[in-house]
PDB file of N, CA and C in Angstrom:
ATOM      1  N   LEU A   1     -10.402   4.776  -6.085  1.00  0.00           N
ATOM      2  CA  LEU A   1     -11.568   4.094  -5.541  1.00  0.00           C
ATOM      3  C   LEU A   1     -12.483   5.079  -4.828  1.00  0.00           C
ATOM      4  N   SER A   2     -11.902   5.901  -3.965  1.00  0.00           N
ATOM      5  CA  SER A   2     -12.741   6.833  -3.226  1.00  0.00           C
ATOM      6  C   SER A   2     -13.405   7.837  -4.161  1.00  0.00           C
ATOM      7  N   ALA A   3     -12.729   8.207  -5.234  1.00  0.00           N
ATOM      8  CA  ALA A   3     -13.321   9.151  -6.186  1.00  0.00           C
ATOM      9  C   ALA A   3     -14.546   8.551  -6.860  1.00  0.00           C
ATOM     10  N   SER A   4     -14.470   7.285  -7.230  1.00  0.00           N
ATOM     11  CA  SER A   4     -15.615   6.653  -7.893  1.00  0.00           C
ATOM     12  C   SER A   4     -16.785   6.476  -6.930  1.00  0.00           C
ATOM     13  N   VAL A   5     -16.497   6.173  -5.670  1.00  0.00           N
ATOM     14  CA  VAL A   5     -17.565   6.044  -4.678  1.00  0.00           C
ATOM     15  C   VAL A   5     -18.217   7.392  -4.445  1.00  0.00           C
ATOM     16  N   LEU A   6     -17.408   8.434  -4.329  1.00  0.00           N
ATOM     17  CA  LEU A   6     -17.962   9.774  -4.134  1.00  0.00           C
ATOM     18  C   LEU A   6     -18.781  10.219  -5.343  1.00  0.00           C
ATOM     19  N   GLU A   7     -18.321   9.851  -6.531  1.00  0.00           N
ATOM     20  CA  GLU A   7     -19.065  10.188  -7.744  1.00  0.00           C
ATOM     21  C   GLU A   7     -20.416   9.483  -7.754  1.00  0.00           C
ATOM     22  N   ALA A   8     -20.430   8.208  -7.378  1.00  0.00           N
ATOM     23  CA  ALA A   8     -21.693   7.461  -7.326  1.00  0.00           C
ATOM     24  C   ALA A   8     -22.625   8.054  -6.275  1.00  0.00           C
ATOM     25  N   SER A   9     -22.060   8.454  -5.160  1.00  0.00           N
ATOM     26  CA  SER A   9     -22.850   9.082  -4.100  1.00  0.00           C
ATOM     27  C   SER A   9     -23.478  10.384  -4.593  1.00  0.00           C
ATOM     28  N   THR A  10     -22.722  11.145  -5.341  1.00  0.00           N
ATOM     29  CA  THR A  10     -23.232  12.404  -5.900  1.00  0.00           C
ATOM     30  C   THR A  10     -24.349  12.148  -6.900  1.00  0.00           C
ATOM     31  N   LYS A  11     -24.216  11.084  -7.691  1.00  0.00           N
ATOM     32  CA  LYS A  11     -25.271  10.733  -8.650  1.00  0.00           C
ATOM     33  C   LYS A  11     -26.559  10.358  -7.928  1.00  0.00           C
ATOM     34  N   VAL A  12     -26.425   9.595  -6.845  1.00  0.00           N
ATOM     35  CA  VAL A  12     -27.608   9.217  -6.065  1.00  0.00           C
ATOM     36  C   VAL A  12     -28.275  10.465  -5.498  1.00  0.00           C
ATOM     37  N   LEU A  13     -27.470  11.365  -4.980  1.00  0.00           N
ATOM     38  CA  LEU A  13     -28.004  12.609  -4.433  1.00  0.00           C
ATOM     39  C   LEU A  13     -28.707  13.416  -5.519  1.00  0.00           C
ATOM     40  N   GLY A  14     -28.081  13.529  -6.682  1.00  0.00           N
ATOM     41  CA  GLY A  14     -28.693  14.259  -7.787  1.00  0.00           C
ATOM     42  C   GLY A  14     -29.986  13.617  -8.247  1.00  0.00           C
ATOM     43  N   PHE A  15     -29.997  12.301  -8.332  1.00  0.00           N
ATOM     44  CA  PHE A  15     -31.207  11.580  -8.730  1.00  0.00           C
ATOM     45  C   PHE A  15     -32.333  11.821  -7.736  1.00  0.00           C
ATOM     46  N   SER A  16     -31.995  11.798  -6.447  1.00  0.00           N
ATOM     47  CA  SER A  16     -33.037  11.976  -5.432  1.00  0.00           C
ATOM     48  C   SER A  16     -33.631  13.375  -5.482  1.00  0.00           C
ATOM     49  N   ILE A  17     -32.843  14.352  -5.868  1.00  0.00           N
ATOM     50  CA  ILE A  17     -33.343  15.727  -5.937  1.00  0.00           C
ATOM     51  C   ILE A  17     -34.168  15.946  -7.200  1.00  0.00           C
ATOM     52  N   LYS A  18     -33.716  15.403  -8.327  1.00  0.00           N
ATOM     53  CA  LYS A  18     -34.362  15.662  -9.615  1.00  0.00           C
ATOM     54  C   LYS A  18     -35.614  14.832  -9.862  1.00  0.00           C
ATOM     55  N   SER A  19     -35.706  13.684  -9.230  1.00  0.00           N
ATOM     56  CA  SER A  19     -36.826  12.799  -9.492  1.00  0.00           C
ATOM     57  C   SER A  19     -38.126  13.375  -8.947  1.00  0.00           C
ATOM     58  N   LYS A  20     -39.154  13.384  -9.779  1.00  0.00           N
ATOM     59  CA  LYS A  20     -40.461  13.914  -9.370  1.00  0.00           C
ATOM     60  C   LYS A  20     -41.380  12.809  -8.859  1.00  0.00           C
ATOM     61  N   ASN A  21     -41.013  11.550  -9.057  1.00  0.00           N
ATOM     62  CA  ASN A  21     -41.883  10.443  -8.712  1.00  0.00           C
ATOM     63  C   ASN A  21     -41.614   9.856  -7.320  1.00  0.00           C
ATOM     64  N   LEU A  22     -40.630  10.368  -6.617  1.00  0.00           N
ATOM     65  CA  LEU A  22     -40.297   9.823  -5.308  1.00  0.00           C
ATOM     66  C   LEU A  22     -41.028  10.572  -4.200  1.00  0.00           C
ATOM     67  N   LYS A  23     -41.439   9.809  -3.187  1.00  0.00           N
ATOM     68  CA  LYS A  23     -42.035  10.428  -2.015  1.00  0.00           C
ATOM     69  C   LYS A  23     -40.939  11.157  -1.232  1.00  0.00           C
ATOM     70  N   GLY A  24     -41.339  12.095  -0.426  1.00  0.00           N
ATOM     71  CA  GLY A  24     -40.394  12.869   0.375  1.00  0.00           C
ATOM     72  C   GLY A  24     -39.552  12.020   1.299  1.00  0.00           C
ATOM     73  N   THR A  25     -40.156  10.970   1.858  1.00  0.00           N
ATOM     74  CA  THR A  25     -39.390  10.104   2.758  1.00  0.00           C
ATOM     75  C   THR A  25     -38.303   9.349   2.013  1.00  0.00           C
ATOM     76  N   HIS A  26     -38.592   8.953   0.765  1.00  0.00           N
ATOM     77  CA  HIS A  26     -37.579   8.262  -0.039  1.00  0.00           C
ATOM     78  C   HIS A  26     -36.457   9.216  -0.438  1.00  0.00           C
ATOM     79  N   VAL A  27     -36.824  10.449  -0.754  1.00  0.00           N
ATOM     80  CA  VAL A  27     -35.815  11.453  -1.108  1.00  0.00           C
ATOM     81  C   VAL A  27     -34.879  11.670   0.078  1.00  0.00           C
ATOM     82  N   LYS A  28     -35.477  11.814   1.261  1.00  0.00           N
ATOM     83  CA  LYS A  28     -34.661  12.016   2.465  1.00  0.00           C
ATOM     84  C   LYS A  28     -33.753  10.817   2.712  1.00  0.00           C
ATOM     85  N   ALA A  29     -34.275   9.612   2.540  1.00  0.00           N
ATOM     86  CA  ALA A  29     -33.470   8.408   2.748  1.00  0.00           C
ATOM     87  C   ALA A  29     -32.300   8.361   1.768  1.00  0.00           C
ATOM     88  N   LEU A  30     -32.548   8.716   0.518  1.00  0.00           N
ATOM     89  CA  LEU A  30     -31.470   8.724  -0.476  1.00  0.00           C
ATOM     90  C   LEU A  30     -30.435   9.803  -0.158  1.00  0.00           C
ATOM     91  N   ARG A  31     -30.896  10.974   0.272  1.00  0.00           N
ATOM     92  CA  ARG A  31     -29.958  12.038   0.641  1.00  0.00           C
ATOM     93  C   ARG A  31     -29.095  11.611   1.819  1.00  0.00           C
ATOM     94  N   ASP A  32     -29.731  11.027   2.834  1.00  0.00           N
ATOM     95  CA  ASP A  32     -28.991  10.581   4.010  1.00  0.00           C
ATOM     96  C   ASP A  32     -27.980   9.497   3.648  1.00  0.00           C
ATOM     97  N   ALA A  33     -28.398   8.572   2.787  1.00  0.00           N
ATOM     98  CA  ALA A  33     -27.495   7.498   2.361  1.00  0.00           C
ATOM     99  C   ALA A  33     -26.305   8.069   1.595  1.00  0.00           C
ATOM    100  N   ALA A  34     -26.572   9.010   0.710  1.00  0.00           N
ATOM    101  CA  ALA A  34     -25.492   9.625  -0.065  1.00  0.00           C
ATOM    102  C   ALA A  34     -24.516  10.348   0.855  1.00  0.00           C
ATOM    103  N   ALA A  35     -25.053  11.052   1.846  1.00  0.00           N
ATOM    104  CA  ALA A  35     -24.184  11.762   2.792  1.00  0.00           C
ATOM    105  C   ALA A  35     -23.358  10.782   3.621  1.00  0.00           C
ATOM    106  N   ALA A  36     -23.968   9.690   4.064  1.00  0.00           N
ATOM    107  CA  ALA A  36     -23.253   8.690   4.863  1.00  0.00           C
ATOM    108  C   ALA A  36     -22.156   8.017   4.045  1.00  0.00           C
ATOM    109  N   ILE A  37     -22.454   7.713   2.795  1.00  0.00           N
ATOM    110  CA  ILE A  37     -21.456   7.091   1.915  1.00  0.00           C
ATOM    111  C   ILE A  37     -20.281   8.036   1.704  1.00  0.00           C
ATOM    112  N   ALA A  38     -20.577   9.300   1.450  1.00  0.00           N
ATOM    113  CA  ALA A  38     -19.513  10.280   1.229  1.00  0.00           C
ATOM    114  C   ALA A  38     -18.655  10.444   2.480  1.00  0.00           C
ATOM    115  N   ALA A  39     -19.296  10.544   3.640  1.00  0.00           N
ATOM    116  CA  ALA A  39     -18.545  10.710   4.884  1.00  0.00           C
ATOM    117  C   ALA A  39     -17.688   9.481   5.176  1.00  0.00           C
ATOM    118  N   GLY A  40     -18.258   8.304   5.011  1.00  0.00           N
ATOM    119  CA  GLY A  40     -17.507   7.074   5.247  1.00  0.00           C
ATOM    120  C   GLY A  40     -16.326   6.926   4.318  1.00  0.00           C
ATOM    121  N   THR A  41     -16.524   7.287   3.073  1.00  0.00           N
ATOM    122  CA  THR A  41     -15.440   7.205   2.089  1.00  0.00           C
ATOM    123  C   THR A  41     -14.312   8.151   2.453  1.00  0.00           C
ATOM    124  N   ASN A  42     -14.672   9.368   2.880  1.00  0.00           N
ATOM    125  CA  ASN A  42     -13.638  10.327   3.277  1.00  0.00           C
ATOM    126  C   ASN A  42     -12.852   9.828   4.486  1.00  0.00           C
ATOM    127  N   LEU A  43     -13.545   9.257   5.467  1.00  0.00           N
ATOM    128  CA  LEU A  43     -12.856   8.723   6.649  1.00  0.00           C
ATOM    129  C   LEU A  43     -11.925   7.571   6.286  1.00  0.00           C
ATOM    130  N   MET A  44     -12.415   6.669   5.438  1.00  0.00           N
ATOM    131  CA  MET A  44     -11.577   5.540   5.023  1.00  0.00           C
ATOM    132  C   MET A  44     -10.346   6.032   4.277  1.00  0.00           C
ATOM    133  N   ALA A  45     -10.517   7.018   3.418  1.00  0.00           N
ATOM    134  CA  ALA A  45      -9.381   7.554   2.672  1.00  0.00           C
ATOM    135  C   ALA A  45      -8.360   8.172   3.624  1.00  0.00           C
ATOM    136  N   LYS A  46      -8.840   8.857   4.677  1.00  0.00           N
ATOM    137  CA  LYS A  46      -7.931   9.440   5.669  1.00  0.00           C
ATOM    138  C   LYS A  46      -7.156   8.353   6.400  1.00  0.00           C
ATOM    139  N   TYR A  47      -7.861   7.292   6.836  1.00  0.00           N
ATOM    140  CA  TYR A  47      -7.192   6.209   7.561  1.00  0.00           C
ATOM    141  C   TYR A  47      -6.137   5.540   6.698  1.00  0.00           C
ATOM    142  N   ILE A  48      -6.469   5.300   5.448  1.00  0.00           N
ATOM    143  CA  ILE A  48      -5.518   4.662   4.549  1.00  0.00           C
ATOM    144  C   ILE A  48      -4.314   5.566   4.325  1.00  0.00           C
ATOM    145  N   ALA A  49      -4.565   6.858   4.146  1.00  0.00           N
ATOM    146  CA  ALA A  49      -3.471   7.804   3.944  1.00  0.00           C
ATOM    147  C   ALA A  49      -2.576   7.859   5.177  1.00  0.00           C
ATOM    148  N   ASN A  50      -3.168   7.849   6.361  1.00  0.00           N
ATOM    149  CA  ASN A  50      -2.376   7.882   7.589  1.00  0.00           C
ATOM    150  C   ASN A  50      -1.506   6.645   7.712  1.00  0.00           C
ATOM    151  N   ASP A  51      -2.057   5.485   7.389  1.00  0.00           N
ATOM    152  CA  ASP A  51      -1.269   4.257   7.457  1.00  0.00           C
ATOM    153  C   ASP A  51      -0.119   4.290   6.467  1.00  0.00           C
ATOM    154  N   LYS A  52      -0.371   4.796   5.278  1.00  0.00           N
ATOM    155  CA  LYS A  52       0.675   4.838   4.261  1.00  0.00           C
ATOM    156  C   LYS A  52       1.731   5.881   4.593  1.00  0.00           C
ATOM    157  N   CYS A  53       1.333   6.956   5.267  1.00  0.00           N
ATOM    158  CA  CYS A  53       2.287   8.016   5.601  1.00  0.00           C
ATOM    159  C   CYS A  53       3.152   7.647   6.793  1.00  0.00           C
ATOM    160  N   GLY A  54       2.760   6.625   7.528  1.00  0.00           N
ATOM    161  CA  GLY A  54       3.618   6.154   8.590  1.00  0.00           C
ATOM    162  C   GLY A  54       3.275   6.603   9.984  1.00  0.00           C
ATOM    163  N   GLU A  55       2.135   7.241  10.184  1.00  0.00           N
ATOM    164  CA  GLU A  55       1.782   7.661  11.538  1.00  0.00           C
ATOM    165  C   GLU A  55       1.659   6.471  12.474  1.00  0.00           C
ATOM    166  N   ASN A  56       1.166   5.366  11.978  1.00  0.00           N
ATOM    167  CA  ASN A  56       0.988   4.187  12.820  1.00  0.00           C
ATOM    168  C   ASN A  56       2.199   3.267  12.796  1.00  0.00           C
ATOM    169  N   LEU A  57       3.148   3.543  11.928  1.00  0.00           N
ATOM    170  CA  LEU A  57       4.311   2.670  11.829  1.00  0.00           C
ATOM    171  C   LEU A  57       5.153   2.706  13.098  1.00  0.00           C
ATOM    172  N   ASP A  58       5.219   3.856  13.772  1.00  0.00           N
ATOM    173  CA  ASP A  58       5.972   3.959  15.020  1.00  0.00           C
ATOM    174  C   ASP A  58       5.368   3.059  16.088  1.00  0.00           C
ATOM    175  N   ILE A  59       4.054   3.067  16.172  1.00  0.00           N
ATOM    176  CA  ILE A  59       3.366   2.238  17.154  1.00  0.00           C
ATOM    177  C   ILE A  59       3.598   0.766  16.845  1.00  0.00           C
ATOM    178  N   ILE A  60       3.505   0.412  15.581  1.00  0.00           N
ATOM    179  CA  ILE A  60       3.722  -0.982  15.179  1.00  0.00           C
ATOM    180  C   ILE A  60       5.144  -1.412  15.511  1.00  0.00           C
ATOM    181  N   GLU A  61       6.099  -0.549  15.262  1.00  0.00           N
ATOM    182  CA  GLU A  61       7.498  -0.889  15.556  1.00  0.00           C
ATOM    183  C   GLU A  61       7.704  -1.064  17.058  1.00  0.00           C
ATOM    184  N   GLU A  62       7.100  -0.198  17.874  1.00  0.00           N
ATOM    185  CA  GLU A  62       7.191  -0.348  19.328  1.00  0.00           C
ATOM    186  C   GLU A  62       6.620  -1.689  19.769  1.00  0.00           C
ATOM    187  N   LEU A  63       5.490  -2.062  19.190  1.00  0.00           N
ATOM    188  CA  LEU A  63       4.872  -3.336  19.539  1.00  0.00           C
ATOM    189  C   LEU A  63       5.747  -4.508  19.128  1.00  0.00           C
ATOM    190  N   ARG A  64       6.396  -4.397  17.981  1.00  0.00           N
ATOM    191  CA  ARG A  64       7.300  -5.458  17.540  1.00  0.00           C
ATOM    192  C   ARG A  64       8.454  -5.639  18.520  1.00  0.00           C
ATOM    193  N   VAL A  65       9.047  -4.515  18.930  1.00  0.00           N
ATOM    194  CA  VAL A  65      10.171  -4.569  19.864  1.00  0.00           C
ATOM    195  C   VAL A  65       9.723  -5.177  21.184  1.00  0.00           C
ATOM    196  N   GLU A  66       8.581  -4.708  21.686  1.00  0.00           N
ATOM    197  CA  GLU A  66       8.058  -5.238  22.951  1.00  0.00           C
ATOM    198  C   GLU A  66       7.750  -6.728  22.830  1.00  0.00           C
ATOM    199  N   ASN A  67       7.190  -7.123  21.720  1.00  0.00           N
ATOM    200  CA  ASN A  67       6.881  -8.529  21.492  1.00  0.00           C
ATOM    201  C   ASN A  67       8.156  -9.370  21.486  1.00  0.00           C
ATOM    202  N   ASN A  68       9.191  -8.893  20.825  1.00  0.00           N
ATOM    203  CA  ASN A  68      10.464  -9.621  20.804  1.00  0.00           C
ATOM    204  C   ASN A  68      11.056  -9.720  22.201  1.00  0.00           C
ATOM    205  N   ASN A  69      10.969  -8.640  22.984  1.00  0.00           N
ATOM    206  CA  ASN A  69      11.459  -8.676  24.359  1.00  0.00           C
ATOM    207  C   ASN A  69      10.701  -9.705  25.181  1.00  0.00           C
ATOM    208  N   LEU A  70       9.404  -9.754  25.000  1.00  0.00           N
ATOM    209  CA  LEU A  70       8.606 -10.733  25.734  1.00  0.00           C
ATOM    210  C   LEU A  70       8.937 -12.161  25.322  1.00  0.00           C
ATOM    211  N   LYS A  71       9.192 -12.363  24.037  1.00  0.00           N
ATOM    212  CA  LYS A  71       9.590 -13.699  23.569  1.00  0.00           C
ATOM    213  C   LYS A  71      10.907 -14.126  24.205  1.00  0.00           C
ATOM    214  N   GLU A  72      11.869 -13.213  24.267  1.00  0.00           N
ATOM    215  CA  GLU A  72      13.158 -13.519  24.881  1.00  0.00           C
ATOM    216  C   GLU A  72      12.975 -13.818  26.364  1.00  0.00           C
ATOM    217  N   SER A  73      12.152 -13.039  27.012  1.00  0.00           N
ATOM    218  CA  SER A  73      11.889 -13.259  28.432  1.00  0.00           C
ATOM    219  C   SER A  73      11.241 -14.623  28.659  1.00  0.00           C
ATOM    220  N   LEU A  74      10.324 -14.995  27.800  1.00  0.00           N
ATOM    221  CA  LEU A  74       9.675 -16.294  27.894  1.00  0.00           C
ATOM    222  C   LEU A  74      10.686 -17.427  27.711  1.00  0.00           C
ATOM    223  N   LYS A  75      11.604 -17.288  26.773  1.00  0.00           N
ATOM    224  CA  LYS A  75      12.648 -18.296  26.564  1.00  0.00           C
ATOM    225  C   LYS A  75      13.487 -18.454  27.826  1.00  0.00           C
ATOM    226  N   ASP A  76      13.859 -17.306  28.427  1.00  0.00           N
ATOM    227  CA  ASP A  76      14.661 -17.358  29.643  1.00  0.00           C
ATOM    228  C   ASP A  76      13.910 -18.054  30.778  1.00  0.00           C
ATOM    229  N   MET A  77      12.638 -17.752  30.899  1.00  0.00           N
ATOM    230  CA  MET A  77      11.821 -18.365  31.949  1.00  0.00           C
ATOM    231  C   MET A  77      11.705 -19.873  31.720  1.00  0.00           C
ATOM    232  N   LYS A  78      11.552 -20.280  30.470  1.00  0.00           N
ATOM    233  CA  LYS A  78      11.468 -21.712  30.167  1.00  0.00           C
ATOM    234  C   LYS A  78      12.774 -22.408  30.535  1.00  0.00           C
ATOM    235  N   LYS A  79      13.902 -21.774  30.239  1.00  0.00           N
ATOM    236  CA  LYS A  79      15.199 -22.351  30.590  1.00  0.00           C
ATOM    237  C   LYS A  79      15.320 -22.493  32.102  1.00  0.00           C
ATOM    238  N   GLU A  80      14.937 -21.452  32.819  1.00  0.00           N
ATOM    239  CA  GLU A  80      15.006 -21.499  34.283  1.00  0.00           C
ATOM    240  C   GLU A  80      14.103 -22.600  34.833  1.00  0.00           C
ATOM    241  N   LEU A  81      12.927 -22.735  34.265  1.00  0.00           N
ATOM    242  CA  LEU A  81      11.996 -23.766  34.713  1.00  0.00           C
ATOM    243  C   LEU A  81      12.564 -25.156  34.462  1.00  0.00           C
ATOM    244  N   GLU A  82      13.182 -25.363  33.319  1.00  0.00           N
ATOM    245  CA  GLU A  82      13.805 -26.648  33.009  1.00  0.00           C
ATOM    246  C   GLU A  82      14.931 -26.952  33.987  1.00  0.00           C
ATOM    247  N   GLU A  83      15.715 -25.934  34.337  1.00  0.00           N
ATOM    248  CA  GLU A  83      16.815 -26.137  35.284  1.00  0.00           C
ATOM    249  C   GLU A  83      16.271 -26.495  36.665  1.00  0.00           C
ATOM    250  N   ILE A  84      15.177 -25.882  37.053  1.00  0.00           N
ATOM    251  CA  ILE A  84      14.577 -26.171  38.359  1.00  0.00           C
ATOM    252  C   ILE A  84      14.028 -27.590  38.388  1.00  0.00           C
ATOM    253  N   LYS A  85      13.445 -28.030  37.298  1.00  0.00           N
ATOM    254  CA  LYS A  85      12.878 -29.380  37.225  1.00  0.00           C
ATOM    255  C   LYS A  85      13.954 -30.458  37.351  1.00  0.00           C
ATOM    256  N   LYS A  86      15.170 -30.172  36.930  1.00  0.00           N
ATOM    257  CA  LYS A  86      16.250 -31.166  36.933  1.00  0.00           C
ATOM    258  C   LYS A  86      16.697 -31.343  38.313  1.00  0.00           C
TER     259      LYS A  86
END
């Protein structure tokens, strides 16, 4: 996916440079858009690669453990509250 987006971005950049009928402001806008698309695609590819490689999996696992601990604590508190109400 990222390769096809980068390829399309390169085509837009090439078109903006080769076209003789475009005003300078339009050429600049197309160049800027192509650069932004390429940069965004590279960042997205990095984020996806990081998620797949497991850099964030440790954080997710910590959150799962903490969440389970909080659930258990909540159950205990509910039991204590029920006992107090009786």
